[in-house]
Amino acid sequence: MISMEEFFATYKNELLATSILIVILLVLKFIATKAIRRVGRLSDIVEARTMLITKYVSILITTLGFGILIFIWNIKFKDVGIAFASVFTIIGVALFASWSILSNITAGVVLFFSFPFKIGDRVKIMDKDIESEEPYLIEDIRAFHVSLRKDNGELLVYPNNLMMQKAVTLLYHQEPQVLVEEEGTI
């Protein structure tokens, strides 16, 4: 049985590198969260979408951190090869089977940073599969899809990846509402 002193002496460099990595990851998450919130605020993007993108970036940073930890602690893949092979096989099959879900999530992230349309705008989608020429009101923008509603109440749930692939005409853009403070009020 190894004592705590022996453990700290043996793994001093790994523990120091792990501590530094954790601090760097926390700072990265903080900076990324602030930047995403600023982009969301400046672009007048709904808070729910901003939080969703923040969650995706946080998962990406955490995954990157785990990858770096594997190298810091010099984990030998042959020691845990069967476990990794099983996990990667399951993940590979799941990702292959759900590539459209991943493309919609990726499109949702891209649309967050570059989407020229906002909730409340009226758009027309140039898609031969959509029979109506009638414009749609953007009701909601989610991670996987955009909810579009016709004037007659019909709801169209349109995938994000198609929103990027098809031509979309902006018919009416709702200006962001800016709250103006009156002088003398707090």
Protein backbone atom coordinates (compact mmCIF):
# COMPACT_ATOMS: atom_id res chain seq x y z
CA MET A 1 0.00 0.00 0.00
CA ILE A 2 1.34 3.38 -1.01
CA SER A 3 1.23 6.30 1.44
CA MET A 4 0.05 9.79 0.55
CA GLU A 5 3.60 11.17 0.74
CA GLU A 6 4.87 8.51 -1.65
CA PHE A 7 1.95 9.15 -4.00
CA PHE A 8 2.62 12.90 -4.10
CA ALA A 9 6.36 12.33 -4.52
CA THR A 10 5.87 9.78 -7.29
CA TYR A 11 3.25 11.72 -9.24
CA LYS A 12 4.35 15.30 -8.45
CA ASN A 13 4.71 16.34 -12.12
CA GLU A 14 1.43 14.75 -13.18
CA LEU A 15 -0.46 16.36 -10.28
CA LEU A 16 1.05 19.77 -11.07
CA ALA A 17 0.22 19.44 -14.78
CA THR A 18 -3.32 18.31 -13.92
CA SER A 19 -3.81 21.29 -11.61
CA ILE A 20 -2.56 23.69 -14.29
CA LEU A 21 -4.80 22.04 -16.88
CA ILE A 22 -7.87 22.38 -14.64
CA VAL A 23 -7.16 26.09 -14.11
CA ILE A 24 -6.64 26.63 -17.85
CA LEU A 25 -9.87 24.76 -18.68
CA LEU A 26 -11.86 26.79 -16.15
CA VAL A 27 -10.45 30.04 -17.54
CA LEU A 28 -11.21 28.87 -21.11
CA LYS A 29 -14.79 27.98 -20.17
CA PHE A 30 -15.22 31.38 -18.47
CA ILE A 31 -13.85 33.30 -21.47
CA ALA A 32 -15.86 31.23 -23.96
CA THR A 33 -19.06 31.71 -21.96
CA LYS A 34 -18.52 35.48 -21.76
CA ALA A 35 -17.75 35.69 -25.49
CA ILE A 36 -20.80 33.62 -26.48
CA ARG A 37 -23.07 35.68 -24.22
CA ARG A 38 -21.66 38.89 -25.69
CA VAL A 39 -22.26 37.64 -29.24
CA GLY A 40 -25.78 36.60 -28.26
CA ARG A 41 -26.51 39.94 -26.63
CA LEU A 42 -25.06 42.01 -29.50
CA SER A 43 -26.90 39.92 -32.09
CA ASP A 44 -30.14 40.01 -30.08
CA ILE A 45 -30.28 36.21 -29.94
CA VAL A 46 -32.69 34.47 -27.57
CA GLU A 47 -31.08 33.52 -24.25
CA ALA A 48 -32.07 29.84 -24.63
CA ARG A 49 -30.03 29.56 -27.85
CA THR A 50 -27.09 31.30 -26.20
CA MET A 51 -27.18 28.82 -23.30
CA LEU A 52 -27.37 25.89 -25.73
CA ILE A 53 -24.24 27.02 -27.60
CA THR A 54 -22.51 27.63 -24.26
CA LYS A 55 -23.32 24.04 -23.27
CA TYR A 56 -21.89 22.68 -26.54
CA VAL A 57 -18.66 24.64 -26.13
CA SER A 58 -18.38 23.52 -22.50
CA ILE A 59 -18.73 19.86 -23.54
CA LEU A 60 -16.08 20.36 -26.23
CA ILE A 61 -13.62 21.95 -23.76
CA THR A 62 -14.25 19.20 -21.20
CA THR A 63 -13.67 16.48 -23.81
CA LEU A 64 -10.46 18.20 -24.87
CA GLY A 65 -9.41 18.30 -21.21
CA PHE A 66 -9.96 14.57 -20.79
CA GLY A 67 -7.88 13.92 -23.90
CA ILE A 68 -5.03 16.01 -22.51
CA LEU A 69 -5.30 14.26 -19.12
CA ILE A 70 -4.76 10.92 -20.86
CA PHE A 71 -1.44 12.21 -22.18
CA ILE A 72 -0.45 13.86 -18.88
CA TRP A 73 -0.95 10.67 -16.90
CA ASN A 74 0.62 8.59 -19.69
CA ILE A 75 -2.25 6.15 -19.78
CA LYS A 76 -1.30 3.24 -21.98
CA PHE A 77 -4.03 2.44 -24.44
CA LYS A 78 -3.08 -1.23 -24.51
CA ASP A 79 -3.95 -1.42 -20.80
CA VAL A 80 -7.47 -0.13 -21.38
CA GLY A 81 -7.70 -0.96 -25.08
CA ILE A 82 -10.71 -3.25 -24.84
CA ALA A 83 -12.74 -0.66 -22.94
CA PHE A 84 -11.79 2.12 -25.38
CA ALA A 85 -12.44 -0.11 -28.39
CA SER A 86 -15.89 -0.98 -27.08
CA VAL A 87 -16.77 2.62 -26.29
CA PHE A 88 -15.46 3.92 -29.62
CA THR A 89 -17.31 1.19 -31.51
CA ILE A 90 -20.59 2.11 -29.84
CA ILE A 91 -19.96 5.82 -30.40
CA GLY A 92 -18.99 5.20 -34.03
CA VAL A 93 -22.13 3.21 -34.75
CA ALA A 94 -24.28 5.79 -32.97
CA LEU A 95 -22.66 8.68 -34.84
CA PHE A 96 -22.95 6.93 -38.18
CA ALA A 97 -26.57 6.07 -37.51
CA SER A 98 -27.41 9.62 -36.50
CA TRP A 99 -25.29 11.73 -38.85
CA SER A 100 -28.30 13.93 -39.63
CA ILE A 101 -28.70 14.76 -35.95
CA LEU A 102 -25.06 15.79 -35.78
CA SER A 103 -25.35 17.86 -38.94
CA ASN A 104 -28.37 19.65 -37.46
CA ILE A 105 -26.50 20.39 -34.24
CA THR A 106 -23.49 21.65 -36.19
CA ALA A 107 -25.77 23.75 -38.39
CA GLY A 108 -27.44 25.10 -35.23
CA VAL A 109 -24.06 26.24 -33.90
CA VAL A 110 -23.13 27.84 -37.25
CA LEU A 111 -26.53 29.51 -37.48
CA PHE A 112 -26.08 30.92 -33.98
CA PHE A 113 -23.02 32.89 -35.03
CA SER A 114 -24.03 33.79 -38.60
CA PHE A 115 -27.81 33.48 -38.89
CA PRO A 116 -29.28 36.59 -40.57
CA PHE A 117 -32.79 35.75 -39.32
CA LYS A 118 -34.21 36.05 -35.84
CA ILE A 119 -37.35 34.93 -34.04
CA GLY A 120 -40.21 37.10 -35.26
CA ASP A 121 -38.91 37.50 -38.82
CA ARG A 122 -40.98 36.47 -41.85
CA VAL A 123 -39.19 34.28 -44.38
CA LYS A 124 -39.89 32.35 -47.55
CA ILE A 125 -38.01 29.08 -48.11
CA MET A 126 -37.15 28.15 -51.68
CA ASP A 127 -37.60 24.39 -51.35
CA LYS A 128 -39.42 22.32 -53.98
CA ASP A 129 -40.64 19.96 -51.26
CA ILE A 130 -42.56 22.78 -49.58
CA GLU A 131 -45.77 23.15 -51.54
CA SER A 132 -46.77 26.57 -50.21
CA GLU A 133 -45.48 29.86 -51.53
CA GLU A 134 -46.81 31.55 -48.41
CA PRO A 135 -44.28 33.19 -46.05
CA TYR A 136 -43.53 31.75 -42.63
CA LEU A 137 -43.04 33.43 -39.28
CA ILE A 138 -39.94 32.21 -37.41
CA GLU A 139 -41.45 31.15 -34.13
CA ASP A 140 -38.49 29.39 -32.49
CA ILE A 141 -34.91 28.36 -33.29
CA ARG A 142 -33.72 25.21 -31.55
CA ALA A 143 -30.60 23.04 -31.62
CA PHE A 144 -32.02 20.70 -34.29
CA HIS A 145 -34.71 22.70 -36.08
CA VAL A 146 -36.44 26.00 -36.75
CA SER A 147 -40.18 26.27 -36.01
CA LEU A 148 -41.96 28.14 -38.81
CA ARG A 149 -45.65 29.08 -38.69
CA LYS A 150 -47.99 30.10 -41.51
CA ASP A 151 -50.66 32.74 -41.03
CA ASN A 152 -53.31 29.99 -40.97
CA GLY A 153 -51.59 28.43 -37.93
CA GLU A 154 -49.89 25.52 -39.73
CA LEU A 155 -46.53 24.70 -38.11
CA LEU A 156 -43.49 23.62 -40.15
CA VAL A 157 -40.55 22.19 -38.24
CA TYR A 158 -37.61 22.68 -40.58
CA PRO A 159 -34.18 21.10 -39.92
CA ASN A 160 -31.26 23.48 -39.32
CA ASN A 161 -29.05 21.80 -41.93
CA LEU A 162 -31.71 22.43 -44.61
CA MET A 163 -32.03 26.03 -43.45
CA MET A 164 -28.37 26.43 -44.41
CA GLN A 165 -28.64 24.47 -47.67
CA LYS A 166 -31.78 26.03 -49.16
CA ALA A 167 -32.30 29.60 -50.30
CA VAL A 168 -34.21 31.58 -47.68
CA THR A 169 -35.67 34.99 -48.49
CA LEU A 170 -36.10 37.50 -45.68
CA LEU A 171 -39.46 39.23 -46.18
CA TYR A 172 -39.73 41.08 -42.88
CA HIS A 173 -37.03 41.66 -40.28
CA GLN A 174 -38.09 42.47 -36.75
CA GLU A 175 -35.78 45.09 -35.31
CA PRO A 176 -34.33 44.33 -31.88
CA GLN A 177 -36.08 46.11 -29.07
CA VAL A 178 -33.78 48.41 -27.16
CA LEU A 179 -34.74 49.55 -23.69
CA VAL A 180 -34.06 53.25 -23.25
CA GLU A 181 -33.65 54.60 -19.73
CA GLU A 182 -35.19 57.92 -18.91
CA GLU A 183 -32.98 60.49 -17.25
CA GLY A 184 -33.31 60.49 -13.51
CA THR A 185 -34.35 56.83 -13.27
CA ILE A 186 -32.22 53.94 -12.25
